[in-house]
Amino acid sequence: MPESDFIKPIAPEDGHYAGNVYLLTSGKTLSAAASFAWTFAECNIGTIIGEETGGMSVCYGDKLWYHLPVSDLECGISFKRFWYLRDCLKISAK
């Protein structure tokens, strides 16, 4: 990928924010929001305030698509499950 395709960081004189960043979470923080919270924590972006997110930090990918002939609906079923290492270590320690 050529360097021209990358998004360059915003310089301070162009409005780069250098203050503290906080993320509010609760037990109702689910799905993509829980994955975002995990990334926020893993990358040390800022401080998380609140409760542990709902559910485990796991996501699914690589869907197989099916056509249901009677209802004429399309549906996707994931056949891969991705676990975040930190959560796996917590589970195995219990």
Foldseek 3Di string as FASTA:
>chain_A
DDPVPDDDDDDVVRPDDDDADEAEAECAQDDVSLLVVVVCVVVVVHYYDYYRYHDANKDFDDWDWDQDVPVRDIDTDTDDMDHDPVVVVVVVVD
